[in-house]
Amino acid sequence: MRDGPTTQASGIRRSRARAAGFSALELTTAIALVAIFASVLLDRLLYYQEAYEKANMEYWANAIKLGLQIRVGHLIAQNRVVDYAEVARENPIGWLDAPPPGYRGEVIATGNPQIAPRSWYYDRTRRELVYVVGQSRYLLPDADGKARVHFRVKLVRPDGALNRDSMVLGLQFAPVESYRWF
């Protein structure tokens, strides 16, 4: 009888010891699953951060379009002749109450100036407002191979009017080159 209870107790202790921990295979499988879920989560996080950056850039571009409309409307309300070419030469940031976050000011650029990512600057030479993209996994780069989006105020002329002396119908704030982001 002594052998019976002792053998039974030691068998219970061994099964409890086995149940208390993971085997090497179970532990490796759990670590692999956690790593896969973490990489998917990180990829989604980066995707949504870039989508947010694009939405923020487009928000400010639309605010500038609205500022352009207000600028022209203000000139018309004052019974002033709207010199569209003069308005097109202005820095578009001046039409806003406050500049966008990361606005670095006016730059006389020869080439591509070194501006921090997620920043705006106005290139006085080209008369372009430029956004320097921070995350560009889903953006096709510009002609120079840089992750930048260039905007300009363009004169709108009647269809077929190519010369500078033709009548101007209005102004348009638009990207210099169409861009594809996502």
N, C-alpha and C. Protein backbone atom coordinates (compact mmCIF):
# COMPACT_ATOMS: atom_id res chain seq x y z
N MET A 1 0.80 -1.19 0.00
CA MET A 1 0.00 0.00 0.00
C MET A 1 0.84 1.25 0.00
N ARG A 2 2.01 1.16 0.54
CA ARG A 2 2.85 2.35 0.54
C ARG A 2 3.23 2.77 -0.88
N ASP A 3 3.43 1.79 -1.73
CA ASP A 3 3.83 2.13 -3.09
C ASP A 3 2.69 2.81 -3.86
N GLY A 4 1.49 2.44 -3.57
CA GLY A 4 0.34 2.97 -4.30
C GLY A 4 0.19 4.47 -4.17
N PRO A 5 0.04 5.03 -2.95
CA PRO A 5 -0.17 6.46 -2.84
C PRO A 5 1.06 7.27 -3.27
N THR A 6 2.25 6.80 -3.00
CA THR A 6 3.46 7.54 -3.37
C THR A 6 3.61 7.59 -4.89
N THR A 7 3.37 6.50 -5.53
CA THR A 7 3.46 6.47 -6.99
C THR A 7 2.40 7.37 -7.61
N GLN A 8 1.24 7.34 -7.04
CA GLN A 8 0.16 8.17 -7.55
C GLN A 8 0.48 9.66 -7.34
N ALA A 9 1.04 10.03 -6.19
CA ALA A 9 1.37 11.41 -5.90
C ALA A 9 2.50 11.91 -6.81
N SER A 10 3.48 11.08 -7.04
CA SER A 10 4.57 11.51 -7.92
C SER A 10 4.09 11.66 -9.35
N GLY A 11 3.15 10.85 -9.78
CA GLY A 11 2.57 10.99 -11.12
C GLY A 11 1.81 12.29 -11.26
N ILE A 12 1.10 12.68 -10.20
CA ILE A 12 0.37 13.95 -10.22
C ILE A 12 1.36 15.11 -10.28
N ARG A 13 2.45 15.03 -9.52
CA ARG A 13 3.44 16.10 -9.51
C ARG A 13 4.07 16.25 -10.90
N ARG A 14 4.36 15.15 -11.56
CA ARG A 14 4.96 15.21 -12.90
C ARG A 14 3.99 15.84 -13.91
N SER A 15 2.73 15.51 -13.85
CA SER A 15 1.77 16.06 -14.81
C SER A 15 1.55 17.55 -14.54
N ARG A 16 1.59 17.95 -13.26
CA ARG A 16 1.47 19.37 -12.94
C ARG A 16 2.71 20.12 -13.43
N ALA A 17 3.86 19.57 -13.30
CA ALA A 17 5.09 20.21 -13.76
C ALA A 17 5.07 20.39 -15.28
N ARG A 18 4.56 19.40 -15.97
CA ARG A 18 4.45 19.50 -17.42
C ARG A 18 3.41 20.55 -17.82
N ALA A 19 2.32 20.65 -17.11
CA ALA A 19 1.25 21.59 -17.44
C ALA A 19 1.63 23.03 -17.07
N ALA A 20 2.56 23.22 -16.19
CA ALA A 20 2.90 24.56 -15.72
C ALA A 20 3.68 25.37 -16.76
N GLY A 21 4.40 24.79 -17.67
CA GLY A 21 5.22 25.53 -18.63
C GLY A 21 4.88 25.20 -20.07
N PHE A 22 5.54 25.89 -20.98
CA PHE A 22 5.36 25.65 -22.40
C PHE A 22 6.49 24.74 -22.88
N SER A 23 6.19 24.00 -23.90
CA SER A 23 7.27 23.27 -24.55
C SER A 23 7.97 24.25 -25.48
N ALA A 24 9.13 23.88 -25.97
CA ALA A 24 9.90 24.76 -26.86
C ALA A 24 9.12 25.06 -28.13
N LEU A 25 8.40 24.10 -28.65
CA LEU A 25 7.61 24.30 -29.86
C LEU A 25 6.46 25.27 -29.61
N GLU A 26 5.78 25.12 -28.50
CA GLU A 26 4.67 26.02 -28.18
C GLU A 26 5.18 27.45 -27.98
N LEU A 27 6.28 27.60 -27.31
CA LEU A 27 6.85 28.92 -27.07
C LEU A 27 7.28 29.57 -28.39
N THR A 28 7.93 28.81 -29.25
CA THR A 28 8.36 29.32 -30.55
C THR A 28 7.15 29.74 -31.39
N THR A 29 6.10 28.94 -31.39
CA THR A 29 4.88 29.27 -32.13
C THR A 29 4.24 30.54 -31.59
N ALA A 30 4.18 30.69 -30.28
CA ALA A 30 3.59 31.89 -29.68
C ALA A 30 4.40 33.12 -30.03
N ILE A 31 5.72 33.04 -29.99
CA ILE A 31 6.57 34.18 -30.33
C ILE A 31 6.41 34.54 -31.80
N ALA A 32 6.33 33.54 -32.67
CA ALA A 32 6.15 33.80 -34.11
C ALA A 32 4.82 34.50 -34.37
N LEU A 33 3.77 34.07 -33.72
CA LEU A 33 2.45 34.70 -33.91
C LEU A 33 2.47 36.15 -33.41
N VAL A 34 3.06 36.38 -32.27
CA VAL A 34 3.15 37.74 -31.75
C VAL A 34 3.96 38.62 -32.70
N ALA A 35 5.05 38.09 -33.25
CA ALA A 35 5.87 38.86 -34.20
C ALA A 35 5.09 39.18 -35.47
N ILE A 36 4.32 38.23 -35.96
CA ILE A 36 3.52 38.47 -37.17
C ILE A 36 2.46 39.54 -36.91
N PHE A 37 1.76 39.43 -35.79
CA PHE A 37 0.74 40.43 -35.46
C PHE A 37 1.37 41.81 -35.25
N ALA A 38 2.55 41.87 -34.64
CA ALA A 38 3.22 43.14 -34.43
C ALA A 38 3.65 43.77 -35.76
N SER A 39 4.14 42.96 -36.70
CA SER A 39 4.56 43.52 -37.99
C SER A 39 3.36 44.01 -38.79
N VAL A 40 2.25 43.29 -38.73
CA VAL A 40 1.03 43.75 -39.43
C VAL A 40 0.53 45.04 -38.79
N LEU A 41 0.55 45.11 -37.48
CA LEU A 41 0.11 46.31 -36.77
C LEU A 41 1.01 47.50 -37.12
N LEU A 42 2.31 47.29 -37.15
CA LEU A 42 3.25 48.35 -37.49
C LEU A 42 3.04 48.83 -38.93
N ASP A 43 2.83 47.90 -39.85
CA ASP A 43 2.58 48.27 -41.25
C ASP A 43 1.32 49.11 -41.37
N ARG A 44 0.25 48.71 -40.69
CA ARG A 44 -1.00 49.48 -40.72
C ARG A 44 -0.82 50.85 -40.09
N LEU A 45 -0.05 50.91 -39.01
CA LEU A 45 0.21 52.18 -38.34
C LEU A 45 0.94 53.14 -39.28
N LEU A 46 1.97 52.66 -39.96
CA LEU A 46 2.70 53.50 -40.91
C LEU A 46 1.82 53.93 -42.07
N TYR A 47 0.95 53.03 -42.54
CA TYR A 47 0.02 53.36 -43.62
C TYR A 47 -0.91 54.50 -43.20
N TYR A 48 -1.48 54.40 -42.00
CA TYR A 48 -2.41 55.42 -41.54
C TYR A 48 -1.71 56.73 -41.22
N GLN A 49 -0.46 56.68 -40.77
CA GLN A 49 0.29 57.92 -40.56
C GLN A 49 0.54 58.63 -41.89
N GLU A 50 0.86 57.86 -42.92
CA GLU A 50 1.07 58.48 -44.24
C GLU A 50 -0.23 59.00 -44.82
N ALA A 51 -1.31 58.27 -44.62
CA ALA A 51 -2.62 58.75 -45.08
C ALA A 51 -3.00 60.04 -44.37
N TYR A 52 -2.68 60.13 -43.08
CA TYR A 52 -2.93 61.36 -42.32
C TYR A 52 -2.10 62.51 -42.88
N GLU A 53 -0.84 62.25 -43.19
CA GLU A 53 0.02 63.30 -43.74
C GLU A 53 -0.54 63.81 -45.07
N LYS A 54 -0.99 62.90 -45.92
CA LYS A 54 -1.57 63.30 -47.21
C LYS A 54 -2.83 64.14 -46.99
N ALA A 55 -3.69 63.69 -46.08
CA ALA A 55 -4.93 64.43 -45.80
C ALA A 55 -4.61 65.82 -45.24
N ASN A 56 -3.60 65.91 -44.40
CA ASN A 56 -3.22 67.20 -43.83
C ASN A 56 -2.68 68.14 -44.92
N MET A 57 -1.85 67.61 -45.83
CA MET A 57 -1.34 68.43 -46.92
C MET A 57 -2.48 68.92 -47.80
N GLU A 58 -3.42 68.04 -48.11
CA GLU A 58 -4.54 68.43 -48.98
C GLU A 58 -5.48 69.40 -48.27
N TYR A 59 -5.60 69.28 -46.95
CA TYR A 59 -6.40 70.24 -46.18
C TYR A 59 -5.83 71.65 -46.36
N TRP A 60 -4.50 71.79 -46.21
CA TRP A 60 -3.88 73.10 -46.34
C TRP A 60 -3.93 73.60 -47.78
N ALA A 61 -3.83 72.71 -48.75
CA ALA A 61 -3.96 73.13 -50.15
C ALA A 61 -5.37 73.66 -50.41
N ASN A 62 -6.38 73.00 -49.85
CA ASN A 62 -7.76 73.49 -50.01
C ASN A 62 -7.97 74.81 -49.27
N ALA A 63 -7.33 74.98 -48.11
CA ALA A 63 -7.43 76.25 -47.39
C ALA A 63 -6.82 77.38 -48.21
N ILE A 64 -5.74 77.09 -48.91
CA ILE A 64 -5.11 78.10 -49.77
C ILE A 64 -6.01 78.42 -50.96
N LYS A 65 -6.67 77.41 -51.52
CA LYS A 65 -7.63 77.67 -52.61
C LYS A 65 -8.74 78.61 -52.13
N LEU A 66 -9.23 78.35 -50.95
CA LEU A 66 -10.26 79.21 -50.37
C LEU A 66 -9.70 80.61 -50.13
N GLY A 67 -8.47 80.69 -49.64
CA GLY A 67 -7.83 81.99 -49.43
C GLY A 67 -7.69 82.77 -50.73
N LEU A 68 -7.40 82.07 -51.82
CA LEU A 68 -7.32 82.72 -53.14
C LEU A 68 -8.67 83.29 -53.54
N GLN A 69 -9.73 82.53 -53.33
CA GLN A 69 -11.07 83.02 -53.67
C GLN A 69 -11.43 84.25 -52.83
N ILE A 70 -11.08 84.21 -51.56
CA ILE A 70 -11.36 85.35 -50.69
C ILE A 70 -10.55 86.57 -51.11
N ARG A 71 -9.28 86.36 -51.49
CA ARG A 71 -8.42 87.46 -51.94
C ARG A 71 -9.00 88.14 -53.16
N VAL A 72 -9.41 87.35 -54.14
CA VAL A 72 -9.99 87.92 -55.37
C VAL A 72 -11.33 88.59 -55.05
N GLY A 73 -12.15 87.93 -54.23
CA GLY A 73 -13.44 88.53 -53.84
C GLY A 73 -13.27 89.83 -53.09
N HIS A 74 -12.24 89.92 -52.26
CA HIS A 74 -11.97 91.15 -51.52
C HIS A 74 -11.60 92.28 -52.47
N LEU A 75 -10.80 91.98 -53.49
CA LEU A 75 -10.43 93.00 -54.48
C LEU A 75 -11.66 93.46 -55.26
N ILE A 76 -12.52 92.52 -55.62
CA ILE A 76 -13.74 92.87 -56.36
C ILE A 76 -14.67 93.71 -55.48
N ALA A 77 -14.79 93.35 -54.20
CA ALA A 77 -15.68 94.08 -53.29
C ALA A 77 -15.20 95.52 -53.08
N GLN A 78 -13.92 95.76 -53.20
CA GLN A 78 -13.37 97.11 -53.06
C GLN A 78 -13.40 97.88 -54.37
N ASN A 79 -14.06 97.32 -55.39
CA ASN A 79 -14.15 97.93 -56.72
C ASN A 79 -12.77 98.18 -57.31
N ARG A 80 -11.83 97.33 -56.98
CA ARG A 80 -10.50 97.43 -57.56
C ARG A 80 -10.42 96.48 -58.75
N VAL A 81 -9.68 96.90 -59.74
CA VAL A 81 -9.47 96.04 -60.89
C VAL A 81 -8.58 94.89 -60.43
N VAL A 82 -9.03 93.70 -60.71
CA VAL A 82 -8.26 92.54 -60.29
C VAL A 82 -7.18 92.27 -61.32
N ASP A 83 -5.95 92.47 -60.92
CA ASP A 83 -4.81 92.15 -61.77
C ASP A 83 -4.43 90.70 -61.44
N TYR A 84 -4.99 89.79 -62.21
CA TYR A 84 -4.80 88.37 -61.94
C TYR A 84 -3.33 87.98 -61.96
N ALA A 85 -2.56 88.55 -62.87
CA ALA A 85 -1.14 88.22 -62.95
C ALA A 85 -0.41 88.66 -61.67
N GLU A 86 -0.80 89.81 -61.11
CA GLU A 86 -0.18 90.27 -59.88
C GLU A 86 -0.54 89.37 -58.70
N VAL A 87 -1.79 88.97 -58.62
CA VAL A 87 -2.22 88.07 -57.54
C VAL A 87 -1.51 86.72 -57.68
N ALA A 88 -1.31 86.27 -58.91
CA ALA A 88 -0.64 84.98 -59.13
C ALA A 88 0.82 85.01 -58.69
N ARG A 89 1.43 86.20 -58.63
CA ARG A 89 2.83 86.32 -58.20
C ARG A 89 2.97 86.38 -56.67
N GLU A 90 1.86 86.53 -55.95
CA GLU A 90 1.92 86.63 -54.49
C GLU A 90 2.22 85.27 -53.87
N ASN A 91 2.78 85.31 -52.67
CA ASN A 91 2.98 84.09 -51.89
C ASN A 91 1.61 83.66 -51.35
N PRO A 92 1.13 82.47 -51.70
CA PRO A 92 -0.21 82.04 -51.27
C PRO A 92 -0.38 81.95 -49.76
N ILE A 93 0.70 81.81 -49.02
CA ILE A 93 0.59 81.72 -47.56
C ILE A 93 0.06 83.04 -46.99
N GLY A 94 0.28 84.13 -47.68
CA GLY A 94 -0.22 85.43 -47.25
C GLY A 94 -1.74 85.52 -47.26
N TRP A 95 -2.41 84.62 -47.92
CA TRP A 95 -3.87 84.64 -47.97
C TRP A 95 -4.51 83.95 -46.77
N LEU A 96 -3.68 83.33 -45.95
CA LEU A 96 -4.19 82.60 -44.79
C LEU A 96 -4.06 83.46 -43.53
N ASP A 97 -4.89 83.18 -42.54
CA ASP A 97 -4.76 83.86 -41.24
C ASP A 97 -3.45 83.48 -40.56
N ALA A 98 -3.08 82.22 -40.66
CA ALA A 98 -1.84 81.71 -40.06
C ALA A 98 -1.25 80.69 -41.01
N PRO A 99 0.07 80.63 -41.08
CA PRO A 99 0.69 79.64 -41.98
C PRO A 99 0.47 78.22 -41.48
N PRO A 100 0.58 77.26 -42.37
CA PRO A 100 0.43 75.86 -41.93
C PRO A 100 1.59 75.45 -41.02
N PRO A 101 1.37 74.45 -40.18
CA PRO A 101 2.48 73.98 -39.34
C PRO A 101 3.65 73.52 -40.21
N GLY A 102 4.83 73.89 -39.83
CA GLY A 102 6.01 73.49 -40.59
C GLY A 102 6.36 74.43 -41.73
N TYR A 103 5.69 75.61 -41.82
CA TYR A 103 6.03 76.54 -42.89
C TYR A 103 7.39 77.17 -42.61
N ARG A 104 8.32 77.06 -43.56
CA ARG A 104 9.70 77.51 -43.36
C ARG A 104 10.01 78.87 -43.99
N GLY A 105 9.03 79.46 -44.64
CA GLY A 105 9.23 80.79 -45.20
C GLY A 105 9.53 80.75 -46.69
N GLU A 106 9.98 81.91 -47.18
CA GLU A 106 10.31 82.04 -48.60
C GLU A 106 11.77 81.68 -48.82
N VAL A 107 12.01 81.00 -49.92
CA VAL A 107 13.35 80.53 -50.26
C VAL A 107 13.62 80.92 -51.70
N ILE A 108 14.82 81.41 -51.95
CA ILE A 108 15.26 81.61 -53.33
C ILE A 108 16.07 80.37 -53.66
N ALA A 109 15.44 79.46 -54.36
CA ALA A 109 16.02 78.13 -54.53
C ALA A 109 16.76 78.01 -55.85
N THR A 110 17.91 77.42 -55.75
CA THR A 110 18.65 76.97 -56.92
C THR A 110 18.81 75.46 -56.72
N GLY A 111 17.97 74.69 -57.35
CA GLY A 111 17.93 73.25 -57.11
C GLY A 111 16.90 72.95 -56.03
N ASN A 112 17.13 71.90 -55.28
CA ASN A 112 16.23 71.51 -54.20
C ASN A 112 16.86 71.86 -52.86
N PRO A 113 16.32 72.86 -52.16
CA PRO A 113 16.90 73.22 -50.87
C PRO A 113 16.67 72.11 -49.84
N GLN A 114 17.53 72.06 -48.85
CA GLN A 114 17.40 71.07 -47.79
C GLN A 114 16.41 71.58 -46.75
N ILE A 115 15.18 71.13 -46.85
CA ILE A 115 14.10 71.52 -45.94
C ILE A 115 13.65 70.27 -45.21
N ALA A 116 13.32 70.41 -43.94
CA ALA A 116 12.90 69.27 -43.12
C ALA A 116 11.63 68.63 -43.67
N PRO A 117 11.48 67.32 -43.50
CA PRO A 117 10.25 66.65 -43.93
C PRO A 117 9.02 67.22 -43.21
N ARG A 118 7.87 67.07 -43.87
CA ARG A 118 6.58 67.56 -43.38
C ARG A 118 6.58 69.08 -43.24
N SER A 119 7.26 69.74 -44.17
CA SER A 119 7.37 71.20 -44.14
C SER A 119 6.92 71.81 -45.46
N TRP A 120 6.53 73.06 -45.38
CA TRP A 120 6.17 73.85 -46.55
C TRP A 120 7.21 74.94 -46.73
N TYR A 121 7.46 75.35 -47.97
CA TYR A 121 8.24 76.55 -48.25
C TYR A 121 7.77 77.13 -49.57
N TYR A 122 8.00 78.43 -49.73
CA TYR A 122 7.63 79.11 -50.97
C TYR A 122 8.90 79.39 -51.75
N ASP A 123 8.98 78.84 -52.95
CA ASP A 123 10.13 79.04 -53.84
C ASP A 123 9.86 80.31 -54.65
N ARG A 124 10.55 81.39 -54.28
CA ARG A 124 10.31 82.68 -54.94
C ARG A 124 10.79 82.67 -56.38
N THR A 125 11.79 81.87 -56.70
CA THR A 125 12.30 81.82 -58.06
C THR A 125 11.26 81.23 -59.01
N ARG A 126 10.69 80.12 -58.63
CA ARG A 126 9.71 79.43 -59.48
C ARG A 126 8.27 79.86 -59.20
N ARG A 127 8.06 80.61 -58.13
CA ARG A 127 6.73 81.01 -57.67
C ARG A 127 5.87 79.77 -57.39
N GLU A 128 6.46 78.87 -56.62
CA GLU A 128 5.78 77.62 -56.27
C GLU A 128 5.76 77.44 -54.77
N LEU A 129 4.66 76.93 -54.27
CA LEU A 129 4.57 76.52 -52.88
C LEU A 129 4.86 75.03 -52.87
N VAL A 130 5.82 74.61 -52.04
CA VAL A 130 6.30 73.23 -52.07
C VAL A 130 6.06 72.58 -50.72
N TYR A 131 5.54 71.36 -50.76
CA TYR A 131 5.40 70.56 -49.54
C TYR A 131 6.42 69.43 -49.61
N VAL A 132 7.25 69.31 -48.57
CA VAL A 132 8.26 68.25 -48.49
C VAL A 132 7.63 67.10 -47.71
N VAL A 133 7.45 65.99 -48.37
CA VAL A 133 6.76 64.84 -47.79
C VAL A 133 7.65 64.14 -46.78
N GLY A 134 7.06 63.73 -45.66
CA GLY A 134 7.79 63.01 -44.64
C GLY A 134 7.81 61.51 -44.89
N GLN A 135 6.64 60.93 -45.06
CA GLN A 135 6.54 59.50 -45.34
C GLN A 135 6.06 59.35 -46.77
N SER A 136 6.83 58.63 -47.57
CA SER A 136 6.51 58.59 -49.00
C SER A 136 6.54 57.17 -49.56
N ARG A 137 6.11 56.20 -48.78
CA ARG A 137 6.08 54.83 -49.31
C ARG A 137 5.08 54.69 -50.45
N TYR A 138 4.01 55.47 -50.43
CA TYR A 138 2.95 55.35 -51.43
C TYR A 138 2.88 56.56 -52.36
N LEU A 139 3.94 57.37 -52.41
CA LEU A 139 3.98 58.55 -53.26
C LEU A 139 4.97 58.32 -54.39
N LEU A 140 4.55 58.62 -55.60
CA LEU A 140 5.49 58.61 -56.72
C LEU A 140 6.30 59.90 -56.64
N PRO A 141 7.63 59.85 -56.68
CA PRO A 141 8.45 61.06 -56.51
C PRO A 141 8.28 62.02 -57.68
N ASP A 142 8.69 63.29 -57.45
CA ASP A 142 8.59 64.29 -58.51
C ASP A 142 9.65 64.06 -59.58
N ALA A 143 9.74 64.98 -60.52
CA ALA A 143 10.66 64.81 -61.66
C ALA A 143 12.12 64.72 -61.20
N ASP A 144 12.45 65.36 -60.09
CA ASP A 144 13.82 65.33 -59.57
C ASP A 144 14.08 64.10 -58.71
N GLY A 145 13.09 63.26 -58.54
CA GLY A 145 13.24 62.08 -57.70
C GLY A 145 13.07 62.35 -56.22
N LYS A 146 12.61 63.54 -55.88
CA LYS A 146 12.41 63.92 -54.48
C LYS A 146 10.95 63.72 -54.10
N ALA A 147 10.72 63.54 -52.83
CA ALA A 147 9.35 63.38 -52.32
C ALA A 147 8.81 64.77 -51.97
N ARG A 148 8.40 65.49 -52.99
CA ARG A 148 7.87 66.85 -52.83
C ARG A 148 6.67 67.02 -53.74
N VAL A 149 5.74 67.85 -53.30
CA VAL A 149 4.58 68.20 -54.12
C VAL A 149 4.63 69.71 -54.32
N HIS A 150 4.65 70.13 -55.59
CA HIS A 150 4.76 71.54 -55.95
C HIS A 150 3.39 72.08 -56.36
N PHE A 151 3.03 73.25 -55.81
CA PHE A 151 1.77 73.92 -56.16
C PHE A 151 2.09 75.29 -56.73
N ARG A 152 1.21 75.76 -57.61
CA ARG A 152 1.38 77.08 -58.22
C ARG A 152 0.01 77.67 -58.52
N VAL A 153 -0.04 78.99 -58.49
CA VAL A 153 -1.24 79.70 -58.91
C VAL A 153 -1.14 79.89 -60.41
N LYS A 154 -2.13 79.38 -61.13
CA LYS A 154 -2.11 79.43 -62.59
C LYS A 154 -3.20 80.37 -63.09
N LEU A 155 -2.90 81.07 -64.17
CA LEU A 155 -3.90 81.91 -64.83
C LEU A 155 -4.81 81.02 -65.67
N VAL A 156 -6.10 81.23 -65.56
CA VAL A 156 -7.06 80.45 -66.34
C VAL A 156 -7.48 81.31 -67.54
N ARG A 157 -7.24 80.77 -68.72
CA ARG A 157 -7.55 81.47 -69.96
C ARG A 157 -8.61 80.68 -70.73
N PRO A 158 -9.28 81.32 -71.69
CA PRO A 158 -10.26 80.58 -72.49
C PRO A 158 -9.59 79.43 -73.23
N ASP A 159 -10.37 78.42 -73.55
CA ASP A 159 -9.83 77.27 -74.29
C ASP A 159 -9.21 77.73 -75.60
N GLY A 160 -8.04 77.23 -75.88
CA GLY A 160 -7.35 77.55 -77.12
C GLY A 160 -6.51 78.81 -77.05
N ALA A 161 -6.62 79.59 -75.99
CA ALA A 161 -5.83 80.82 -75.89
C ALA A 161 -4.48 80.48 -75.27
N LEU A 162 -3.45 80.57 -76.07
CA LEU A 162 -2.12 80.19 -75.61
C LEU A 162 -1.21 81.38 -75.35
N ASN A 163 -1.51 82.54 -75.97
CA ASN A 163 -0.58 83.64 -75.81
C ASN A 163 -0.84 84.40 -74.50
N ARG A 164 0.17 85.15 -74.10
CA ARG A 164 0.10 85.87 -72.82
C ARG A 164 -0.84 87.06 -72.88
N ASP A 165 -1.18 87.54 -74.05
CA ASP A 165 -2.03 88.73 -74.18
C ASP A 165 -3.51 88.39 -74.20
N SER A 166 -3.85 87.12 -74.16
CA SER A 166 -5.27 86.76 -74.21
C SER A 166 -5.93 87.04 -72.86
N MET A 167 -7.23 87.09 -72.90
CA MET A 167 -8.01 87.42 -71.71
C MET A 167 -7.83 86.36 -70.62
N VAL A 168 -7.78 86.81 -69.37
CA VAL A 168 -7.68 85.91 -68.22
C VAL A 168 -9.05 85.79 -67.58
N LEU A 169 -9.51 84.57 -67.38
CA LEU A 169 -10.83 84.35 -66.79
C LEU A 169 -10.78 84.25 -65.27
N GLY A 170 -9.64 83.83 -64.74
CA GLY A 170 -9.54 83.68 -63.30
C GLY A 170 -8.21 83.06 -62.91
N LEU A 171 -8.16 82.56 -61.67
CA LEU A 171 -6.96 81.95 -61.14
C LEU A 171 -7.29 80.57 -60.59
N GLN A 172 -6.28 79.72 -60.60
CA GLN A 172 -6.44 78.37 -60.07
C GLN A 172 -5.19 77.99 -59.29
N PHE A 173 -5.38 77.52 -58.06
CA PHE A 173 -4.26 77.01 -57.27
C PHE A 173 -4.27 75.50 -57.44
N ALA A 174 -3.21 74.96 -58.02
CA ALA A 174 -3.19 73.53 -58.35
C ALA A 174 -1.77 73.01 -58.33
N PRO A 175 -1.62 71.69 -58.25
CA PRO A 175 -0.27 71.11 -58.33
C PRO A 175 0.36 71.41 -59.69
N VAL A 176 1.66 71.62 -59.68
CA VAL A 176 2.38 71.88 -60.94
C VAL A 176 2.31 70.64 -61.81
N GLU A 177 2.61 69.50 -61.22
CA GLU A 177 2.47 68.21 -61.90
C GLU A 177 1.50 67.37 -61.08
N SER A 178 0.66 66.63 -61.76
CA SER A 178 -0.24 65.78 -60.99
C SER A 178 0.60 64.75 -60.23
N TYR A 179 0.18 64.46 -59.05
CA TYR A 179 0.91 63.51 -58.21
C TYR A 179 0.00 62.34 -57.88
N ARG A 180 0.62 61.25 -57.55
CA ARG A 180 -0.14 60.06 -57.19
C ARG A 180 0.36 59.61 -55.83
N TRP A 181 -0.50 59.75 -54.86
CA TRP A 181 -0.17 59.37 -53.49
C TRP A 181 -1.27 58.46 -53.01
N PHE A 182 -1.04 57.21 -52.99
CA PHE A 182 -1.95 56.11 -52.67
C PHE A 182 -2.69 55.66 -53.90
